[in-house]
Amino acid sequence: QKISDYYLSYMDIETLNELGISPLLPGLTTLDQIETREQLIAALGRAQIDNTASPFGFYISADRSDADRHQLNLSVGGLGLPDRDYYLEDTEEFIKVREEYVAHITRILDFAGIEDSDTKAAAILALETRVAEHTWPRSQRRNRDLTYNPMSYEDFKAEYTGLDWDSYFAAAGIENLTDLNVSYPSTMSPIIELVASQPVEEWKSFMTYRFIVDSASVLSEEIDQEAFHFYSTVLNGVPEQRERWERGVMRVGSLSSLGEAIGQVYVQRHFPESAKAQMDELVENLRTALRQSIEQNDWMSADTKEEAYKKLEAFRPKVAYPDEWKDFSSIVISRDNLFQNAQNIRRFNYEDEIGRLGEPTDREEWGMTPQTVNAYYNPSFNEIVFPAGILQPPFFDPAADLAVNYGGIGAVIGHEMGHGFDDQGSKSDWQGVQRNWWTDADRANFESQADALAEQYSQFEPVPGYFIDGRFTLGENIGDVGGLSLAYRAYKMALNGEEAPVIEGVTGDQRFFLAWAQVWQRKYREDALIQRLTTDPHSPSEFRVNGVVRNFTEWYEAFNVQSDEALYLPPEQRIRIW
């Protein structure tokens, strides 16, 4: 019933258009009443529950030193554009985006009848630019060593003075905080200084804009369309919105909404249990392949291999759907109030998250809904997770031959396993504790190969003037190269020494590599590709495929690739790692 009511409240365009901006009026009034720095700090503390923005943000996750307990992670953010580069780089594309951004902010503020909207819009861009100047580059933000800085709450307050943290966390509803992790320590003091020095009115304008635009999808069509125009058309080149019913399905079905409730229905209606058994077998075959790879590699010492075996054996696969489903019974959902429905769900999620502090972690919880077409590795729990949604073509087909399934879902399994041993995942041990379990020589050997792979990808130029950041995408590229390598090894093991059949003139090895290519085939609009290059740690699909296979001698042999062809890499430059 909640799924249906939430969806129908989203589809009630007539009511939404009649309401216009009015659902936001209480929140806008609250923001407008901020006059003092003390009131501002309290508002920043409430930002996540109030659905506005703050230069500070936090989330609760497993402690990287003890995965059985939760820890608060405090970070710096709040940018309205996708990445710091959009503020700081003076390319033609980014200059144009900034101009469009100011015009867009002006229009959003106009919906609320805010005076001097154009002046305030320019001030918002200037304020966010100052935040961007102190924001870490993306390759730095993914470094687990740099982003793990645990300290007691008392030491934190002594280190980062200039902001009343007790008031901030009290407003956020967080009590008895004993310790936390500071994700980006060198950014903290400069941002605290900005909060203290920039006019309160500028921060109010910043929060007001974000309150409106972040609520746009549950407001009238004209407000929703303005947000879409900037964030999808200007930034990504998407000319028009999806049909409203599709957007309704996406809203109700997201992880932060009622997605797991929909997942329960999806599994009951559309997921064959036989696929789960096949997946379990594939996962174990990939585990065996990785064990063989560790045994046979010549760059890792016996001591480090022993730690790697422990991590491999401790890998916990989760396949298809959770054993325990989330209970949404306490959320109030009505058919006639979309904005309040969204608020109720947000508050439910927020209270669930902050309520975890002081409680043990739940290893049965999933970070994706069952219907999601994706997979992930969680280093804190040393687990690999494959939702039911990815267990369908082109990734997985119960009726397909071994080559196709190993080149598709097999490589995805290998990719997620590989994350446990990539440049960042390798910094956590078999228990999920972040520590160095490598010898110095082994780490140097690994880094040497990783550096070479990063250099390969940094040569790719998907859009003229915009290159792949080989350091930022390194973890995913290691996952891709290692995943396909492990999948190929497992595929050959599954053949039990027999030759793969030739099907319609295509050999087994050719089908294996073609399956890898087919799961990633897609087209990008140029604007979307530029944004992806600045925000997504995955390489664009063309390079996920071609950047990987050119490192495989078996691919050259399967397709008779010669040294004068564009993707050819000399054997001494090919990287496999696993």
Protein backbone atom coordinates (compact mmCIF):
# COMPACT_ATOMS: atom_id res chain seq x y z
CA GLN A 1 0.00 0.00 0.00
CA LYS A 2 2.81 2.43 0.83
CA ILE A 3 4.46 1.76 -2.54
CA SER A 4 1.21 2.45 -4.35
CA ASP A 5 0.34 5.56 -2.34
CA TYR A 6 3.78 7.10 -2.74
CA TYR A 7 3.74 6.45 -6.48
CA LEU A 8 0.23 7.86 -6.92
CA SER A 9 1.12 10.98 -4.92
CA TYR A 10 3.98 11.52 -7.36
CA MET A 11 1.68 11.08 -10.36
CA ASP A 12 -0.86 13.65 -9.10
CA ILE A 13 0.42 16.51 -11.28
CA GLU A 14 -2.72 18.59 -10.85
CA THR A 15 -2.30 18.84 -7.08
CA LEU A 16 1.44 19.52 -7.35
CA ASN A 17 0.90 22.35 -9.82
CA GLU A 18 -1.79 23.89 -7.62
CA LEU A 19 0.54 23.80 -4.61
CA GLY A 20 3.50 25.32 -6.44
CA ILE A 21 6.18 26.43 -3.97
CA SER A 22 3.81 26.36 -0.97
CA PRO A 23 5.04 23.06 0.57
CA LEU A 24 8.40 24.78 1.14
CA LEU A 25 7.07 27.91 2.83
CA PRO A 26 7.58 26.74 6.45
CA GLY A 27 11.16 25.74 5.67
CA LEU A 28 11.84 28.93 3.74
CA THR A 29 10.52 30.97 6.66
CA THR A 30 12.82 29.11 9.05
CA LEU A 31 15.83 29.85 6.85
CA ASP A 32 14.81 33.49 6.45
CA GLN A 33 14.72 33.90 10.23
CA ILE A 34 18.42 33.06 10.61
CA GLU A 35 20.12 36.24 11.79
CA THR A 36 23.07 35.26 13.98
CA ARG A 37 26.12 33.06 13.48
CA GLU A 38 24.82 30.79 16.27
CA GLN A 39 21.53 30.28 14.43
CA LEU A 40 23.46 29.59 11.23
CA ILE A 41 25.53 26.84 12.87
CA ALA A 42 22.37 25.17 14.17
CA ALA A 43 20.84 25.34 10.69
CA LEU A 44 23.98 23.76 9.19
CA GLY A 45 23.65 20.95 11.72
CA ARG A 46 20.05 20.35 10.62
CA ALA A 47 20.88 20.57 6.91
CA GLN A 48 20.73 16.86 6.14
CA ILE A 49 17.36 16.29 7.77
CA ASP A 50 15.98 19.59 6.40
CA ASN A 51 17.10 18.69 2.84
CA THR A 52 19.27 21.72 2.33
CA ALA A 53 23.05 22.12 2.05
CA SER A 54 25.98 22.69 4.34
CA PRO A 55 29.72 22.91 3.74
CA PHE A 56 29.97 20.12 6.32
CA GLY A 57 28.39 16.71 5.97
CA PHE A 58 28.52 13.46 7.88
CA TYR A 59 27.50 9.84 7.59
CA ILE A 60 27.68 6.80 9.84
CA SER A 61 29.61 3.71 8.75
CA ALA A 62 31.66 0.85 10.14
CA ASP A 63 34.81 1.99 11.93
CA ARG A 64 37.77 1.13 9.72
CA SER A 65 39.69 -0.04 12.80
CA ASP A 66 36.84 -2.17 14.14
CA ALA A 67 34.15 -3.19 11.66
CA ASP A 68 31.84 -4.31 14.47
CA ARG A 69 31.22 -0.73 15.64
CA HIS A 70 29.85 2.38 13.97
CA GLN A 71 31.70 5.66 13.62
CA LEU A 72 30.69 9.12 12.45
CA ASN A 73 32.61 10.40 9.43
CA LEU A 74 32.76 14.18 9.03
CA SER A 75 33.59 15.64 5.63
CA VAL A 76 33.53 18.87 3.66
CA GLY A 77 31.25 19.33 0.65
CA GLY A 78 28.08 21.16 -0.29
CA LEU A 79 29.03 22.08 -3.85
CA GLY A 80 26.13 22.52 -6.26
CA LEU A 81 28.23 21.65 -9.32
CA PRO A 82 29.55 18.13 -9.90
CA ASP A 83 33.20 18.71 -8.95
CA ARG A 84 35.70 21.39 -7.91
CA ASP A 85 36.98 21.55 -11.51
CA TYR A 86 33.70 23.15 -12.61
CA TYR A 87 34.53 26.13 -10.39
CA LEU A 88 38.29 26.33 -10.80
CA GLU A 89 39.07 25.31 -14.39
CA ASP A 90 38.64 27.93 -17.11
CA THR A 91 37.80 25.66 -20.04
CA GLU A 92 35.17 26.91 -22.46
CA GLU A 93 32.77 24.23 -21.24
CA PHE A 94 33.17 25.03 -17.54
CA ILE A 95 32.94 28.82 -18.04
CA LYS A 96 29.67 28.29 -19.90
CA VAL A 97 28.37 26.02 -17.12
CA ARG A 98 29.13 28.64 -14.47
CA GLU A 99 27.23 31.29 -16.44
CA GLU A 100 24.28 28.93 -16.81
CA TYR A 101 24.49 28.05 -13.12
CA VAL A 102 24.04 31.68 -12.01
CA ALA A 103 21.07 32.09 -14.37
CA HIS A 104 19.56 28.86 -13.06
CA ILE A 105 19.99 29.85 -9.39
CA THR A 106 18.31 33.18 -10.18
CA ARG A 107 15.28 31.42 -11.66
CA ILE A 108 15.05 29.02 -8.70
CA LEU A 109 15.12 31.90 -6.20
CA ASP A 110 12.49 33.72 -8.27
CA PHE A 111 10.05 30.85 -7.69
CA ALA A 112 10.13 31.78 -4.00
CA GLY A 113 9.79 35.51 -4.70
CA ILE A 114 13.21 36.25 -3.24
CA GLU A 115 14.43 39.80 -3.89
CA ASP A 116 17.72 40.58 -5.68
CA SER A 117 17.83 37.02 -6.92
CA ASP A 118 20.50 37.70 -9.56
CA THR A 119 22.83 39.35 -7.04
CA LYS A 120 22.29 36.51 -4.58
CA ALA A 121 22.90 33.93 -7.32
CA ALA A 122 26.27 35.46 -8.14
CA ALA A 123 27.13 35.50 -4.42
CA ILE A 124 26.23 31.80 -4.14
CA LEU A 125 28.60 30.92 -6.98
CA ALA A 126 31.35 33.00 -5.36
CA LEU A 127 30.78 31.29 -2.00
CA GLU A 128 30.82 27.80 -3.51
CA THR A 129 33.98 28.70 -5.42
CA ARG A 130 35.69 29.51 -2.13
CA VAL A 131 34.62 26.11 -0.80
CA ALA A 132 35.87 24.44 -4.00
CA GLU A 133 39.28 26.07 -3.57
CA HIS A 134 39.73 24.08 -0.37
CA THR A 135 38.17 20.84 -1.66
CA TRP A 136 40.58 17.97 -2.25
CA PRO A 137 41.13 16.78 -5.84
CA ARG A 138 39.15 13.66 -6.67
CA SER A 139 42.16 11.31 -6.75
CA GLN A 140 43.05 12.45 -3.22
CA ARG A 141 39.48 11.98 -1.95
CA ARG A 142 39.53 8.25 -2.77
CA ASN A 143 42.78 7.56 -0.91
CA ARG A 144 41.84 5.48 2.15
CA ASP A 145 45.05 6.38 3.99
CA LEU A 146 44.42 10.10 3.64
CA THR A 147 40.72 9.94 4.50
CA TYR A 148 41.02 7.93 7.72
CA ASN A 149 41.85 10.27 10.59
CA PRO A 150 40.08 9.03 13.72
CA MET A 151 40.17 11.09 16.89
CA SER A 152 38.27 11.56 20.12
CA TYR A 153 35.54 14.18 20.06
CA GLU A 154 37.38 16.24 22.68
CA ASP A 155 40.58 16.21 20.61
CA PHE A 156 38.54 17.12 17.54
CA LYS A 157 37.07 20.20 19.24
CA ALA A 158 40.51 21.24 20.44
CA GLU A 159 41.97 20.82 16.95
CA TYR A 160 39.19 22.49 14.95
CA THR A 161 38.24 25.59 16.90
CA GLY A 162 36.19 28.47 15.59
CA LEU A 163 32.87 26.62 15.32
CA ASP A 164 30.55 25.52 18.13
CA TRP A 165 30.55 21.81 17.38
CA ASP A 166 28.40 20.98 20.41
CA SER A 167 25.64 23.17 18.99
CA TYR A 168 26.17 21.77 15.48
CA PHE A 169 25.80 18.15 16.55
CA ALA A 170 23.00 18.91 19.01
CA ALA A 171 21.01 20.45 16.16
CA ALA A 172 21.74 17.32 14.13
CA GLY A 173 20.25 15.17 16.89
CA ILE A 174 23.56 13.50 17.72
CA GLU A 175 24.19 13.01 21.41
CA ASN A 176 27.08 11.58 23.43
CA LEU A 177 29.54 11.63 20.54
CA THR A 178 32.81 10.12 21.79
CA ASP A 179 34.88 9.88 18.63
CA LEU A 180 34.73 10.50 14.89
CA ASN A 181 36.73 10.25 11.68
CA VAL A 182 37.72 13.48 9.91
CA SER A 183 37.76 12.61 6.21
CA TYR A 184 39.54 15.67 4.80
CA PRO A 185 41.48 17.22 7.69
CA SER A 186 43.36 19.95 5.81
CA THR A 187 40.07 21.39 4.52
CA MET A 188 38.42 21.76 7.92
CA SER A 189 40.02 24.95 9.26
CA PRO A 190 39.65 26.91 5.98
CA ILE A 191 35.95 26.00 5.77
CA ILE A 192 35.41 26.86 9.44
CA GLU A 193 36.97 30.23 8.64
CA LEU A 194 34.55 30.69 5.72
CA VAL A 195 31.57 29.95 7.97
CA ALA A 196 32.88 32.51 10.46
CA SER A 197 33.84 35.23 7.98
CA GLN A 198 31.33 35.18 5.13
CA PRO A 199 28.11 37.13 5.72
CA VAL A 200 25.28 35.15 7.26
CA GLU A 201 23.04 36.40 4.44
CA GLU A 202 25.25 34.64 1.86
CA TRP A 203 25.01 31.33 3.71
CA LYS A 204 21.24 31.81 4.01
CA SER A 205 20.98 32.33 0.23
CA PHE A 206 23.14 29.26 -0.37
CA MET A 207 20.93 27.10 1.87
CA THR A 208 17.71 28.58 0.47
CA TYR A 209 18.67 27.80 -3.12
CA ARG A 210 19.60 24.24 -2.24
CA PHE A 211 16.43 23.73 -0.20
CA ILE A 212 14.33 24.63 -3.23
CA VAL A 213 16.33 22.84 -5.91
CA ASP A 214 16.86 19.68 -3.84
CA SER A 215 13.08 19.53 -3.33
CA ALA A 216 12.24 20.32 -6.97
CA SER A 217 11.33 16.77 -7.97
CA VAL A 218 8.43 16.73 -5.47
CA LEU A 219 7.12 20.18 -6.40
CA SER A 220 5.25 21.65 -9.39
CA GLU A 221 6.19 20.87 -12.98
CA GLU A 222 7.75 24.28 -13.64
CA ILE A 223 10.12 24.03 -10.66
CA ASP A 224 10.95 20.43 -11.46
CA GLN A 225 11.60 21.33 -15.10
CA GLU A 226 13.97 24.15 -14.15
CA ALA A 227 16.04 21.80 -12.01
CA PHE A 228 16.06 19.24 -14.82
CA HIS A 229 17.08 21.86 -17.38
CA PHE A 230 20.23 22.74 -15.51
CA TYR A 231 21.28 19.46 -13.93
CA SER A 232 20.38 17.22 -16.85
CA THR A 233 20.27 19.36 -20.00
CA VAL A 234 23.07 21.85 -19.30
CA LEU A 235 25.35 19.46 -17.41
CA ASN A 236 24.58 16.22 -19.26
CA GLY A 237 23.05 17.23 -22.58
CA VAL A 238 19.80 15.33 -21.90
CA PRO A 239 17.13 17.10 -23.99
CA GLU A 240 13.99 15.97 -22.18
CA GLN A 241 12.83 14.18 -19.07
CA ARG A 242 11.75 10.56 -18.96
CA GLU A 243 8.04 9.86 -18.87
CA ARG A 244 6.64 10.78 -15.47
CA TRP A 245 5.61 7.22 -14.68
CA GLU A 246 9.24 6.13 -15.18
CA ARG A 247 10.46 8.85 -12.85
CA GLY A 248 7.85 7.75 -10.34
CA VAL A 249 9.11 4.18 -10.45
CA MET A 250 12.70 5.40 -10.00
CA ARG A 251 11.76 7.63 -7.06
CA VAL A 252 9.80 5.00 -5.18
CA GLY A 253 12.32 2.27 -6.02
CA SER A 254 15.54 3.99 -4.96
CA LEU A 255 17.59 2.73 -2.01
CA SER A 256 16.87 5.93 -0.07
CA SER A 257 13.13 5.47 -0.61
CA LEU A 258 11.02 2.29 -0.55
CA GLY A 259 13.42 0.41 -2.81
CA GLU A 260 13.90 -2.61 -0.61
CA ALA A 261 10.13 -3.04 -0.28
CA ILE A 262 9.89 -3.05 -4.08
CA GLY A 263 12.84 -5.44 -4.16
CA GLN A 264 10.92 -7.92 -2.07
CA VAL A 265 8.11 -7.90 -4.64
CA TYR A 266 10.59 -8.02 -7.54
CA VAL A 267 12.29 -11.12 -6.17
CA GLN A 268 8.97 -12.89 -5.57
CA ARG A 269 7.73 -12.20 -9.09
CA HIS A 270 10.77 -12.14 -11.33
CA PHE A 271 13.81 -13.86 -9.84
CA PRO A 272 14.33 -17.61 -10.41
CA GLU A 273 15.98 -19.29 -7.42
CA SER A 274 17.93 -21.50 -9.84
CA ALA A 275 19.91 -18.42 -10.90
CA LYS A 276 21.07 -17.97 -7.30
CA ALA A 277 22.51 -21.49 -7.26
CA GLN A 278 24.33 -20.88 -10.56
CA MET A 279 25.74 -17.63 -9.17
CA ASP A 280 26.97 -19.36 -6.03
CA GLU A 281 28.89 -21.82 -8.22
CA LEU A 282 30.36 -19.03 -10.36
CA VAL A 283 31.51 -17.14 -7.27
CA GLU A 284 33.29 -20.19 -5.88
CA ASN A 285 34.96 -20.84 -9.24
CA LEU A 286 36.22 -17.25 -9.31
CA ARG A 287 37.47 -17.63 -5.74
CA THR A 288 39.46 -20.69 -6.84
CA ALA A 289 40.84 -18.74 -9.80
CA LEU A 290 42.02 -15.92 -7.54
CA ARG A 291 43.67 -18.41 -5.19
CA GLN A 292 45.57 -19.87 -8.14
CA SER A 293 46.56 -16.40 -9.30
CA ILE A 294 47.96 -15.56 -5.87
CA GLU A 295 49.82 -18.87 -5.74
CA GLN A 296 51.38 -18.42 -9.16
CA ASN A 297 52.28 -14.73 -9.13
CA ASP A 298 55.99 -14.01 -8.82
CA TRP A 299 55.89 -10.53 -7.28
CA MET A 300 54.34 -11.31 -3.89
CA SER A 301 56.24 -12.84 -0.97
CA ALA A 302 55.08 -15.86 1.03
CA ASP A 303 54.14 -13.72 4.06
CA THR A 304 51.94 -11.39 2.04
CA LYS A 305 50.43 -14.32 0.14
CA GLU A 306 49.41 -15.88 3.45
CA GLU A 307 47.52 -12.71 4.38
CA ALA A 308 45.97 -12.62 0.90
CA TYR A 309 44.74 -16.21 1.26
CA LYS A 310 43.09 -15.31 4.58
CA LYS A 311 41.34 -12.38 2.96
CA LEU A 312 40.22 -14.49 0.00
CA GLU A 313 38.82 -17.26 2.18
CA ALA A 314 37.01 -14.70 4.34
CA PHE A 315 35.28 -13.11 1.32
CA ARG A 316 31.56 -13.27 1.97
CA PRO A 317 29.36 -13.32 -1.12
CA LYS A 318 25.79 -12.02 -0.93
CA VAL A 319 23.67 -13.01 -3.90
CA ALA A 320 20.28 -11.76 -5.14
CA TYR A 321 18.55 -10.38 -2.02
CA PRO A 322 18.93 -9.96 1.75
CA ASP A 323 17.87 -12.65 4.19
CA GLU A 324 16.23 -9.99 6.35
CA TRP A 325 14.08 -7.22 4.87
CA LYS A 326 13.93 -3.63 6.11
CA ASP A 327 10.80 -2.75 8.08
CA PHE A 328 9.04 0.33 6.67
CA SER A 329 5.89 0.01 8.78
CA SER A 330 6.59 3.15 10.83
CA ILE A 331 6.71 5.47 7.80
CA VAL A 332 3.50 7.40 7.19
CA ILE A 333 2.69 7.62 3.47
CA SER A 334 -0.43 9.27 2.08
CA ARG A 335 -1.80 9.42 -1.44
CA ASP A 336 -2.31 13.19 -1.43
CA ASN A 337 0.91 14.74 -0.05
CA LEU A 338 4.05 13.99 -2.05
CA PHE A 339 6.26 16.53 -0.29
CA GLN A 340 5.36 15.21 3.16
CA ASN A 341 5.88 11.63 1.98
CA ALA A 342 9.40 12.52 0.87
CA GLN A 343 10.04 14.28 4.18
CA ASN A 344 8.79 11.30 6.18
CA ILE A 345 11.04 8.91 4.28
CA ARG A 346 14.02 11.22 4.67
CA ARG A 347 13.45 11.52 8.41
CA PHE A 348 13.05 7.74 8.73
CA ASN A 349 16.38 7.18 6.97
CA TYR A 350 18.12 9.93 8.92
CA GLU A 351 16.96 8.71 12.31
CA ASP A 352 17.88 5.15 11.34
CA GLU A 353 21.39 6.31 10.43
CA ILE A 354 22.20 8.44 13.46
CA GLY A 355 20.62 5.79 15.69
CA ARG A 356 23.43 3.45 14.72
CA LEU A 357 26.01 5.33 16.76
CA GLY A 358 26.79 3.23 19.81
CA GLU A 359 25.18 0.17 18.22
CA PRO A 360 27.00 -2.79 16.61
CA THR A 361 27.12 -2.98 12.83
CA ASP A 362 24.67 -5.18 10.94
CA ARG A 363 26.45 -7.43 8.46
CA GLU A 364 23.14 -8.60 7.00
CA GLU A 365 22.32 -5.15 5.66
CA TRP A 366 22.59 -4.45 1.93
CA GLY A 367 23.84 -1.26 0.28
CA MET A 368 21.82 -1.83 -2.90
CA THR A 369 18.26 -2.87 -3.65
CA PRO A 370 17.64 -6.34 -5.13
CA GLN A 371 16.37 -4.86 -8.42
CA THR A 372 19.55 -2.81 -8.98
CA VAL A 373 21.68 -3.73 -12.00
CA ASN A 374 25.03 -3.36 -10.29
CA ALA A 375 27.36 -4.97 -7.74
CA TYR A 376 29.79 -3.80 -5.07
CA TYR A 377 32.61 -4.72 -2.70
CA ASN A 378 32.48 -3.53 0.91
CA PRO A 379 36.01 -3.41 2.38
CA SER A 380 34.82 -3.04 5.98
CA PHE A 381 32.90 -6.32 5.85
CA ASN A 382 35.10 -7.93 3.17
CA GLU A 383 31.95 -8.83 1.25
CA ILE A 384 30.98 -8.93 -2.41
CA VAL A 385 27.34 -8.22 -3.22
CA PHE A 386 25.41 -9.12 -6.38
CA PRO A 387 21.75 -7.98 -6.46
CA ALA A 388 19.18 -10.01 -8.36
CA GLY A 389 18.87 -7.23 -10.95
CA ILE A 390 22.30 -7.93 -12.45
CA LEU A 391 21.55 -11.64 -12.82
CA GLN A 392 19.97 -11.23 -16.26
CA PRO A 393 21.22 -10.64 -19.82
CA PRO A 394 23.58 -9.27 -20.94
CA PHE A 395 25.45 -9.93 -17.69
CA PHE A 396 24.05 -13.38 -16.94
CA ASP A 397 21.97 -15.83 -18.91
CA PRO A 398 21.19 -19.29 -17.48
CA ALA A 399 20.78 -20.57 -21.03
CA ALA A 400 24.07 -19.17 -22.37
CA ASP A 401 27.29 -21.14 -22.73
CA LEU A 402 30.23 -20.89 -20.34
CA ALA A 403 32.16 -18.37 -22.44
CA VAL A 404 29.35 -15.82 -22.43
CA ASN A 405 28.58 -16.08 -18.71
CA TYR A 406 32.22 -15.98 -17.66
CA GLY A 407 32.92 -13.02 -19.96
CA GLY A 408 29.86 -11.25 -18.54
CA ILE A 409 28.90 -11.89 -14.92
CA GLY A 410 32.11 -13.84 -14.31
CA ALA A 411 34.18 -10.74 -15.03
CA VAL A 412 31.89 -8.69 -12.75
CA ILE A 413 32.44 -11.20 -9.93
CA GLY A 414 36.17 -11.05 -10.58
CA HIS A 415 35.99 -7.24 -10.64
CA GLU A 416 34.38 -7.09 -7.19
CA MET A 417 36.81 -9.66 -5.78
CA GLY A 418 39.61 -7.65 -7.33
CA HIS A 419 38.49 -4.58 -5.37
CA GLY A 420 39.64 -6.38 -2.26
CA PHE A 421 43.14 -6.25 -3.73
CA ASP A 422 43.10 -2.98 -5.68
CA ASP A 423 45.09 0.12 -4.75
CA GLN A 424 42.64 1.03 -1.96
CA GLY A 425 40.87 -2.23 -1.05
CA SER A 426 44.26 -3.82 -0.45
CA LYS A 427 44.68 -1.50 2.54
CA SER A 428 42.12 -3.50 4.56
CA ASP A 429 42.71 -7.01 5.88
CA TRP A 430 40.52 -10.11 6.03
CA GLN A 431 38.56 -8.68 8.99
CA GLY A 432 37.98 -5.33 7.28
CA VAL A 433 40.54 -3.55 9.46
CA GLN A 434 42.45 -0.84 7.65
CA ARG A 435 46.11 -1.76 8.12
CA ASN A 436 49.17 -2.51 6.03
CA TRP A 437 49.47 -6.28 5.65
CA TRP A 438 51.98 -6.10 2.79
CA THR A 439 55.76 -6.17 2.95
CA ASP A 440 57.38 -2.99 1.65
CA ALA A 441 58.82 -4.84 -1.34
CA ASP A 442 55.47 -6.40 -2.26
CA ARG A 443 53.67 -3.08 -2.00
CA ALA A 444 56.34 -1.49 -4.21
CA ASN A 445 55.89 -4.26 -6.80
CA PHE A 446 52.14 -3.75 -6.76
CA GLU A 447 52.43 0.04 -6.99
CA SER A 448 54.80 -0.26 -9.94
CA GLN A 449 52.22 -2.24 -11.92
CA ALA A 450 49.40 0.04 -10.78
CA ASP A 451 51.36 3.12 -11.86
CA ALA A 452 51.88 1.62 -15.31
CA LEU A 453 48.15 0.92 -15.63
CA ALA A 454 47.31 4.46 -14.50
CA GLU A 455 49.65 5.81 -17.15
CA GLN A 456 47.96 3.70 -19.84
CA TYR A 457 44.52 5.09 -19.02
CA SER A 458 45.77 8.66 -18.68
CA GLN A 459 46.56 8.60 -22.41
CA PHE A 460 42.90 8.11 -23.36
CA GLU A 461 41.10 11.27 -24.55
CA PRO A 462 37.34 10.55 -24.74
CA VAL A 463 36.53 14.20 -25.55
CA PRO A 464 39.04 16.57 -27.17
CA GLY A 465 40.91 18.26 -24.34
CA TYR A 466 39.47 15.97 -21.65
CA PHE A 467 41.52 12.94 -20.62
CA ILE A 468 40.78 10.03 -18.30
CA ASP A 469 42.35 10.62 -14.89
CA GLY A 470 44.34 7.41 -14.54
CA ARG A 471 44.88 7.89 -10.79
CA PHE A 472 41.23 8.65 -10.03
CA THR A 473 40.00 5.63 -12.03
CA LEU A 474 42.82 3.31 -10.94
CA GLY A 475 40.83 1.19 -8.51
CA GLU A 476 38.10 0.47 -11.05
CA ASN A 477 40.62 -0.15 -13.83
CA ILE A 478 42.49 -2.64 -11.64
CA GLY A 479 39.12 -4.23 -10.92
CA ASP A 480 38.34 -4.49 -14.64
CA VAL A 481 41.72 -5.86 -15.72
CA GLY A 482 41.96 -8.21 -12.76
CA GLY A 483 38.31 -9.23 -13.00
CA LEU A 484 38.53 -10.23 -16.64
CA SER A 485 41.79 -12.06 -15.98
CA LEU A 486 40.24 -14.07 -13.14
CA ALA A 487 37.12 -14.74 -15.20
CA TYR A 488 39.23 -16.07 -18.07
CA ARG A 489 41.16 -18.33 -15.72
CA ALA A 490 37.91 -19.62 -14.17
CA TYR A 491 36.39 -20.11 -17.63
CA LYS A 492 39.29 -22.31 -18.69
CA MET A 493 38.99 -24.29 -15.45
CA ALA A 494 35.27 -24.80 -16.09
CA LEU A 495 36.03 -26.35 -19.50
CA ASN A 496 37.88 -29.17 -17.71
CA GLY A 497 40.53 -29.39 -20.40
CA GLU A 498 38.03 -29.64 -23.25
CA GLU A 499 37.88 -27.32 -26.24
CA ALA A 500 35.03 -24.81 -26.24
CA PRO A 501 32.58 -25.33 -29.10
CA VAL A 502 32.63 -23.02 -32.12
CA ILE A 503 29.17 -21.46 -32.37
CA GLU A 504 28.15 -19.80 -35.65
CA GLY A 505 31.81 -19.43 -36.53
CA VAL A 506 32.76 -17.77 -33.23
CA THR A 507 35.27 -19.50 -30.95
CA GLY A 508 34.93 -19.78 -27.19
CA ASP A 509 37.64 -17.20 -26.53
CA GLN A 510 36.06 -14.81 -29.00
CA ARG A 511 32.67 -15.20 -27.32
CA PHE A 512 34.29 -14.60 -23.94
CA PHE A 513 35.78 -11.26 -24.98
CA LEU A 514 32.69 -10.27 -26.96
CA ALA A 515 30.56 -10.88 -23.87
CA TRP A 516 32.79 -8.46 -21.94
CA ALA A 517 32.31 -5.87 -24.67
CA GLN A 518 28.56 -6.35 -24.86
CA VAL A 519 27.88 -5.76 -21.17
CA TRP A 520 29.44 -2.29 -21.42
CA GLN A 521 28.18 -1.07 -24.80
CA ARG A 522 26.55 2.34 -24.53
CA LYS A 523 26.55 5.85 -25.98
CA TYR A 524 27.24 9.10 -24.13
CA ARG A 525 26.30 12.67 -24.81
CA GLU A 526 29.43 14.82 -24.78
CA ASP A 527 28.32 16.93 -21.80
CA ALA A 528 27.57 13.79 -19.82
CA LEU A 529 30.94 12.32 -20.76
CA ILE A 530 32.76 15.44 -19.55
CA GLN A 531 30.92 15.26 -16.23
CA ARG A 532 31.69 11.56 -15.95
CA LEU A 533 35.39 12.23 -16.44
CA THR A 534 35.38 14.59 -13.45
CA THR A 535 33.12 12.64 -11.08
CA ASP A 536 33.01 8.91 -11.90
CA PRO A 537 35.84 6.59 -10.78
CA HIS A 538 34.88 4.21 -13.62
CA SER A 539 36.39 4.80 -17.05
CA PRO A 540 33.85 5.42 -19.83
CA SER A 541 32.58 2.15 -21.29
CA GLU A 542 34.62 2.19 -24.52
CA PHE A 543 37.78 2.33 -22.46
CA ARG A 544 36.55 -0.15 -19.86
CA VAL A 545 36.51 -2.59 -22.76
CA ASN A 546 39.38 -1.59 -25.06
CA GLY A 547 41.63 -0.42 -22.25
CA VAL A 548 41.34 -3.86 -20.66
CA VAL A 549 41.55 -6.31 -23.56
CA ARG A 550 44.71 -4.75 -25.00
CA ASN A 551 46.49 -6.10 -21.90
CA PHE A 552 45.46 -9.70 -22.71
CA THR A 553 47.67 -11.88 -24.90
CA GLU A 554 44.67 -14.22 -25.24
CA TRP A 555 42.67 -11.42 -26.88
CA TYR A 556 45.40 -10.82 -29.46
CA GLU A 557 45.40 -14.53 -30.25
CA ALA A 558 41.62 -14.85 -30.35
CA PHE A 559 41.20 -12.06 -32.92
CA ASN A 560 44.62 -12.23 -34.62
CA VAL A 561 45.43 -8.63 -33.62
CA GLN A 562 48.61 -7.39 -35.28
CA SER A 563 51.25 -4.91 -34.14
CA ASP A 564 50.13 -2.22 -36.61
CA GLU A 565 46.59 -2.02 -35.16
CA ALA A 566 45.43 0.85 -32.95
CA LEU A 567 44.92 -1.07 -29.70
CA TYR A 568 48.15 -3.04 -29.93
CA LEU A 569 50.39 -2.94 -26.86
CA PRO A 570 53.86 -4.54 -26.91
CA PRO A 571 53.95 -7.60 -24.60
CA GLU A 572 56.33 -5.91 -22.15
CA GLN A 573 53.79 -3.09 -21.60
CA ARG A 574 50.82 -5.34 -20.83
CA ILE A 575 49.57 -5.31 -17.22
CA ARG A 576 47.59 -8.10 -15.54
CA ILE A 577 48.41 -7.91 -11.78
CA TRP A 578 46.07 -10.84 -11.00
